[in-house]
PDB file of N, CA and C in Angstrom:
ATOM      1  N   MET A   1      16.322  16.578  26.375  1.00  0.00           N
ATOM      2  CA  MET A   1      15.784  15.491  25.379  1.00  0.00           C
ATOM      3  C   MET A   1      14.647  15.157  25.085  1.00  0.00           C
ATOM      4  N   GLN A   2      13.593  15.564  26.132  1.00  0.00           N
ATOM      5  CA  GLN A   2      12.175  15.899  25.668  1.00  0.00           C
ATOM      6  C   GLN A   2      12.184  16.799  24.466  1.00  0.00           C
ATOM      7  N   TRP A   3      12.430  17.739  24.076  1.00  0.00           N
ATOM      8  CA  TRP A   3      12.450  18.803  23.501  1.00  0.00           C
ATOM      9  C   TRP A   3      13.131  18.148  21.950  1.00  0.00           C
ATOM     10  N   ALA A   4      14.138  17.400  22.175  1.00  0.00           N
ATOM     11  CA  ALA A   4      14.864  16.714  20.804  1.00  0.00           C
ATOM     12  C   ALA A   4      14.125  15.594  20.609  1.00  0.00           C
ATOM     13  N   LEU A   5      13.169  15.025  20.976  1.00  0.00           N
ATOM     14  CA  LEU A   5      12.350  13.838  20.913  1.00  0.00           C
ATOM     15  C   LEU A   5      11.311  14.124  19.895  1.00  0.00           C
ATOM     16  N   SER A   6      10.599  15.335  20.701  1.00  0.00           N
ATOM     17  CA  SER A   6       9.518  15.574  20.403  1.00  0.00           C
ATOM     18  C   SER A   6       9.720  16.335  19.073  1.00  0.00           C
ATOM     19  N   ASN A   7      10.622  17.260  18.850  1.00  0.00           N
ATOM     20  CA  ASN A   7      10.798  17.606  17.729  1.00  0.00           C
ATOM     21  C   ASN A   7      11.687  16.554  16.700  1.00  0.00           C
ATOM     22  N   LEU A   8      11.831  15.744  16.954  1.00  0.00           N
ATOM     23  CA  LEU A   8      12.287  14.461  15.942  1.00  0.00           C
ATOM     24  C   LEU A   8      11.230  13.662  15.572  1.00  0.00           C
ATOM     25  N   LEU A   9      10.177  13.573  16.433  1.00  0.00           N
ATOM     26  CA  LEU A   9       8.872  12.870  15.979  1.00  0.00           C
ATOM     27  C   LEU A   9       7.945  13.688  14.835  1.00  0.00           C
ATOM     28  N   ALA A  10       8.276  15.044  15.387  1.00  0.00           N
ATOM     29  CA  ALA A  10       7.090  15.847  14.658  1.00  0.00           C
ATOM     30  C   ALA A  10       7.771  16.010  12.891  1.00  0.00           C
ATOM     31  N   ALA A  11       8.954  15.809  12.821  1.00  0.00           N
ATOM     32  CA  ALA A  11       9.753  15.779  11.549  1.00  0.00           C
ATOM     33  C   ALA A  11       9.400  14.756  10.991  1.00  0.00           C
ATOM     34  N   ALA A  12      10.323  13.253  11.607  1.00  0.00           N
ATOM     35  CA  ALA A  12       9.422  12.262  11.042  1.00  0.00           C
ATOM     36  C   ALA A  12       8.213  12.053  10.605  1.00  0.00           C
ATOM     37  N   ASP A  13       6.847  12.667  11.203  1.00  0.00           N
ATOM     38  CA  ASP A  13       5.761  12.413  10.925  1.00  0.00           C
ATOM     39  C   ASP A  13       5.328  13.530   9.717  1.00  0.00           C
ATOM     40  N   ARG A  14       6.173  14.843   9.427  1.00  0.00           N
ATOM     41  CA  ARG A  14       6.123  15.679   8.102  1.00  0.00           C
ATOM     42  C   ARG A  14       6.483  14.450   7.269  1.00  0.00           C
ATOM     43  N   ASP A  15       7.472  14.035   7.118  1.00  0.00           N
ATOM     44  CA  ASP A  15       8.319  13.562   6.158  1.00  0.00           C
ATOM     45  C   ASP A  15       7.423  12.488   5.934  1.00  0.00           C
ATOM     46  N   ILE A  16       6.890  11.609   6.626  1.00  0.00           N
ATOM     47  CA  ILE A  16       6.024  10.617   5.644  1.00  0.00           C
ATOM     48  C   ILE A  16       4.627  11.168   5.507  1.00  0.00           C
ATOM     49  N   HIS A  17       4.200  11.636   6.004  1.00  0.00           N
ATOM     50  CA  HIS A  17       2.987  12.719   5.373  1.00  0.00           C
ATOM     51  C   HIS A  17       3.546  13.111   3.951  1.00  0.00           C
ATOM     52  N   GLU A  18       4.742  13.710   3.809  1.00  0.00           N
ATOM     53  CA  GLU A  18       4.876  14.382   2.584  1.00  0.00           C
ATOM     54  C   GLU A  18       5.521  13.423   1.275  1.00  0.00           C
ATOM     55  N   ALA A  19       5.516  12.090   2.148  1.00  0.00           N
ATOM     56  CA  ALA A  19       6.369  11.301   1.019  1.00  0.00           C
ATOM     57  C   ALA A  19       5.165  10.522   0.464  1.00  0.00           C
ATOM     58  N   HIS A  20       4.446  10.654   0.798  1.00  0.00           N
ATOM     59  CA  HIS A  20       2.539  10.076   0.275  1.00  0.00           C
ATOM     60  C   HIS A  20       1.950  11.064  -0.529  1.00  0.00           C
ATOM     61  N   ILE A  21       2.453  12.359  -0.575  1.00  0.00           N
ATOM     62  CA  ILE A  21       1.528  13.250  -1.603  1.00  0.00           C
ATOM     63  C   ILE A  21       1.800  13.862  -2.645  1.00  0.00           C
ATOM     64  N   ILE A  22       1.448  13.381  -3.741  1.00  0.00           N
ATOM     65  CA  ILE A  22       2.185  13.686  -4.813  1.00  0.00           C
ATOM     66  C   ILE A  22       1.308  15.307  -5.633  1.00  0.00           C
ATOM     67  N   ARG A  23       2.051  16.051  -5.941  1.00  0.00           N
ATOM     68  CA  ARG A  23       1.539  17.374  -6.126  1.00  0.00           C
ATOM     69  C   ARG A  23       1.751  17.460  -7.832  1.00  0.00           C
ATOM     70  N   LEU A  24       0.528  17.628  -8.662  1.00  0.00           N
ATOM     71  CA  LEU A  24       0.534  17.662  -9.737  1.00  0.00           C
ATOM     72  C   LEU A  24       0.205  19.253 -10.222  1.00  0.00           C
ATOM     73  N   ASN A  25       1.152  19.784 -11.447  1.00  0.00           N
ATOM     74  CA  ASN A  25       0.322  21.307 -12.057  1.00  0.00           C
ATOM     75  C   ASN A  25      -0.884  20.479 -12.899  1.00  0.00           C
ATOM     76  N   SER A  26      -1.521  21.545 -13.407  1.00  0.00           N
ATOM     77  CA  SER A  26      -2.862  21.644 -14.165  1.00  0.00           C
ATOM     78  C   SER A  26      -2.509  20.429 -15.432  1.00  0.00           C
ATOM     79  N   LYS A  27      -1.626  20.836 -16.304  1.00  0.00           N
ATOM     80  CA  LYS A  27      -0.837  19.922 -17.214  1.00  0.00           C
ATOM     81  C   LYS A  27      -0.932  18.499 -16.941  1.00  0.00           C
ATOM     82  N   ALA A  28       0.195  18.330 -15.761  1.00  0.00           N
ATOM     83  CA  ALA A  28       0.108  17.062 -15.559  1.00  0.00           C
ATOM     84  C   ALA A  28      -0.975  16.383 -14.966  1.00  0.00           C
ATOM     85  N   TRP A  29      -1.817  17.008 -14.169  1.00  0.00           N
ATOM     86  CA  TRP A  29      -2.906  16.318 -13.819  1.00  0.00           C
ATOM     87  C   TRP A  29      -3.970  15.860 -15.082  1.00  0.00           C
ATOM     88  N   ASN A  30      -4.050  17.226 -15.411  1.00  0.00           N
ATOM     89  CA  ASN A  30      -4.611  16.296 -17.032  1.00  0.00           C
ATOM     90  C   ASN A  30      -4.222  15.243 -17.774  1.00  0.00           C
ATOM     91  N   ASP A  31      -2.861  15.121 -18.054  1.00  0.00           N
ATOM     92  CA  ASP A  31      -2.539  14.041 -18.486  1.00  0.00           C
ATOM     93  C   ASP A  31      -2.722  12.836 -17.824  1.00  0.00           C
ATOM     94  N   PHE A  32      -2.281  13.003 -16.373  1.00  0.00           N
ATOM     95  CA  PHE A  32      -2.996  11.665 -15.387  1.00  0.00           C
ATOM     96  C   PHE A  32      -4.028  11.018 -15.573  1.00  0.00           C
ATOM     97  N   THR A  33      -5.228  12.135 -15.417  1.00  0.00           N
ATOM     98  CA  THR A  33      -6.582  11.765 -15.490  1.00  0.00           C
ATOM     99  C   THR A  33      -7.030  11.099 -17.081  1.00  0.00           C
ATOM    100  N   ALA A  34      -6.363  11.675 -18.138  1.00  0.00           N
ATOM    101  CA  ALA A  34      -6.297  11.189 -19.603  1.00  0.00           C
ATOM    102  C   ALA A  34      -5.811  10.120 -19.743  1.00  0.00           C
ATOM    103  N   ALA A  35      -4.737   9.749 -19.077  1.00  0.00           N
ATOM    104  CA  ALA A  35      -4.351   8.500 -19.165  1.00  0.00           C
ATOM    105  C   ALA A  35      -4.954   7.234 -18.481  1.00  0.00           C
ATOM    106  N   LEU A  36      -5.746   7.643 -17.270  1.00  0.00           N
ATOM    107  CA  LEU A  36      -6.465   6.882 -16.525  1.00  0.00           C
ATOM    108  C   LEU A  36      -7.923   6.382 -17.352  1.00  0.00           C
ATOM    109  N   ASN A  37      -8.075   7.082 -18.201  1.00  0.00           N
ATOM    110  CA  ASN A  37      -9.352   7.010 -19.018  1.00  0.00           C
ATOM    111  C   ASN A  37      -9.011   5.976 -20.402  1.00  0.00           C
ATOM    112  N   GLU A  38      -7.853   5.675 -20.771  1.00  0.00           N
ATOM    113  CA  GLU A  38      -7.447   5.374 -21.630  1.00  0.00           C
ATOM    114  C   GLU A  38      -7.482   3.677 -21.460  1.00  0.00           C
ATOM    115  N   PRO A  39      -7.541   3.009 -22.685  1.00  0.00           N
ATOM    116  CA  PRO A  39      -7.813   1.333 -22.062  1.00  0.00           C
ATOM    117  C   PRO A  39      -6.575   1.009 -21.779  1.00  0.00           C
ATOM    118  N   MET A  40      -6.233  -0.130 -21.253  1.00  0.00           N
ATOM    119  CA  MET A  40      -5.261  -0.753 -20.864  1.00  0.00           C
ATOM    120  C   MET A  40      -4.810  -1.318 -22.008  1.00  0.00           C
ATOM    121  N   GLY A  41      -3.286  -1.658 -21.908  1.00  0.00           N
ATOM    122  CA  GLY A  41      -2.693  -2.071 -22.948  1.00  0.00           C
ATOM    123  C   GLY A  41      -2.578  -3.696 -22.571  1.00  0.00           C
ATOM    124  N   LEU A  42      -2.190  -4.495 -24.143  1.00  0.00           N
ATOM    125  CA  LEU A  42      -2.112  -5.698 -24.107  1.00  0.00           C
ATOM    126  C   LEU A  42      -1.611  -6.526 -22.800  1.00  0.00           C
ATOM    127  N   ARG A  43      -0.120  -6.208 -22.746  1.00  0.00           N
ATOM    128  CA  ARG A  43       0.418  -6.757 -21.511  1.00  0.00           C
ATOM    129  C   ARG A  43      -0.392  -6.756 -20.375  1.00  0.00           C
ATOM    130  N   LEU A  44      -0.943  -5.292 -19.918  1.00  0.00           N
ATOM    131  CA  LEU A  44      -1.277  -5.388 -18.898  1.00  0.00           C
ATOM    132  C   LEU A  44      -2.410  -6.286 -18.556  1.00  0.00           C
ATOM    133  N   ASN A  45      -3.292  -6.293 -19.353  1.00  0.00           N
ATOM    134  CA  ASN A  45      -4.683  -7.390 -19.779  1.00  0.00           C
ATOM    135  C   ASN A  45      -4.139  -8.630 -19.568  1.00  0.00           C
ATOM    136  N   GLU A  46      -3.426  -9.100 -20.161  1.00  0.00           N
ATOM    137  CA  GLU A  46      -2.590 -10.824 -20.284  1.00  0.00           C
ATOM    138  C   GLU A  46      -2.440 -10.563 -18.540  1.00  0.00           C
ATOM    139  N   LEU A  47      -1.655  -9.848 -18.088  1.00  0.00           N
ATOM    140  CA  LEU A  47      -1.246 -10.088 -16.579  1.00  0.00           C
ATOM    141  C   LEU A  47      -2.255 -10.034 -15.556  1.00  0.00           C
ATOM    142  N   LEU A  48      -3.798  -9.475 -15.899  1.00  0.00           N
ATOM    143  CA  LEU A  48      -4.621  -9.489 -15.064  1.00  0.00           C
ATOM    144  C   LEU A  48      -5.362 -10.716 -15.228  1.00  0.00           C
ATOM    145  N   GLU A  49      -5.499 -11.209 -16.522  1.00  0.00           N
ATOM    146  CA  GLU A  49      -6.133 -12.471 -16.855  1.00  0.00           C
ATOM    147  C   GLU A  49      -5.489 -13.668 -16.227  1.00  0.00           C
ATOM    148  N   ARG A  50      -4.052 -13.351 -15.673  1.00  0.00           N
ATOM    149  CA  ARG A  50      -3.568 -14.847 -15.026  1.00  0.00           C
ATOM    150  C   ARG A  50      -3.994 -15.042 -13.955  1.00  0.00           C
ATOM    151  N   ASP A  51      -3.968 -16.031 -13.672  1.00  0.00           N
ATOM    152  CA  ASP A  51      -4.488 -16.247 -12.270  1.00  0.00           C
ATOM    153  C   ASP A  51      -3.255 -15.937 -11.095  1.00  0.00           C
ATOM    154  N   PRO A  52      -3.347 -15.465 -10.135  1.00  0.00           N
ATOM    155  CA  PRO A  52      -2.302 -14.892  -8.991  1.00  0.00           C
ATOM    156  C   PRO A  52      -1.512 -16.404  -8.966  1.00  0.00           C
ATOM    157  N   ILE A  53      -0.171 -15.884  -8.473  1.00  0.00           N
ATOM    158  CA  ILE A  53       0.992 -17.157  -8.114  1.00  0.00           C
ATOM    159  C   ILE A  53       0.229 -17.507  -6.745  1.00  0.00           C
ATOM    160  N   TRP A  54      -0.178 -17.024  -6.051  1.00  0.00           N
ATOM    161  CA  TRP A  54      -0.340 -17.743  -4.642  1.00  0.00           C
ATOM    162  C   TRP A  54      -1.627 -18.613  -4.737  1.00  0.00           C
ATOM    163  N   THR A  55      -2.546 -18.465  -6.149  1.00  0.00           N
ATOM    164  CA  THR A  55      -3.371 -19.935  -6.074  1.00  0.00           C
ATOM    165  C   THR A  55      -3.006 -20.853  -7.062  1.00  0.00           C
ATOM    166  N   ARG A  56      -1.850 -20.474  -7.577  1.00  0.00           N
ATOM    167  CA  ARG A  56      -1.209 -21.671  -8.555  1.00  0.00           C
ATOM    168  C   ARG A  56      -0.404 -23.136  -7.652  1.00  0.00           C
ATOM    169  N   PRO A  57      -0.887 -24.115  -7.941  1.00  0.00           N
ATOM    170  CA  PRO A  57      -0.251 -25.738  -7.347  1.00  0.00           C
ATOM    171  C   PRO A  57       1.069 -24.890  -7.406  1.00  0.00           C
ATOM    172  N   THR A  58       1.633 -25.699  -6.507  1.00  0.00           N
ATOM    173  CA  THR A  58       3.299 -25.371  -6.385  1.00  0.00           C
ATOM    174  C   THR A  58       3.449 -26.942  -6.204  1.00  0.00           C
ATOM    175  N   SER A  59       4.728 -27.321  -6.756  1.00  0.00           N
ATOM    176  CA  SER A  59       5.515 -28.518  -6.557  1.00  0.00           C
ATOM    177  C   SER A  59       6.856 -28.158  -6.081  1.00  0.00           C
ATOM    178  N   LEU A  60       6.740 -29.117  -4.901  1.00  0.00           N
ATOM    179  CA  LEU A  60       8.179 -28.981  -4.072  1.00  0.00           C
ATOM    180  C   LEU A  60       8.818 -30.578  -4.296  1.00  0.00           C
ATOM    181  N   SER A  61      10.145 -30.176  -4.768  1.00  0.00           N
ATOM    182  CA  SER A  61      11.061 -30.866  -5.097  1.00  0.00           C
ATOM    183  C   SER A  61      12.308 -31.026  -4.128  1.00  0.00           C
ATOM    184  N   LEU A  62      12.694 -31.923  -3.309  1.00  0.00           N
ATOM    185  CA  LEU A  62      13.057 -32.081  -2.316  1.00  0.00           C
ATOM    186  C   LEU A  62      14.473 -32.966  -2.432  1.00  0.00           C
ATOM    187  N   GLY A  63      14.918 -33.378  -4.249  1.00  0.00           N
ATOM    188  CA  GLY A  63      16.055 -33.841  -4.139  1.00  0.00           C
ATOM    189  C   GLY A  63      15.987 -35.411  -3.735  1.00  0.00           C
ATOM    190  N   THR A  64      15.431 -35.887  -3.440  1.00  0.00           N
ATOM    191  CA  THR A  64      15.693 -37.173  -2.490  1.00  0.00           C
ATOM    192  C   THR A  64      15.401 -38.483  -3.485  1.00  0.00           C
TER     193      THR A  64
END
C-alpha cells in the first residue's frame, strides 16, 4: 500500500509540474516574444481602461 501511494503521489506531482511548463521550439519562441513586443489591440486597451466589475456599484432588486 505504501509503495502504491508513494508512486501515485510522485506521478501526480510530475503531471502537475508538466502541466505548467510550455515547451516552444525556436520559431515558436521568436513568434511569442515578437507578439509580446507588439502594441495591444484596441479591444484589449478598452477592456483594460474599464473599471473592474468588483469596483462598480451594485443594485440589488429584491422584487418587493
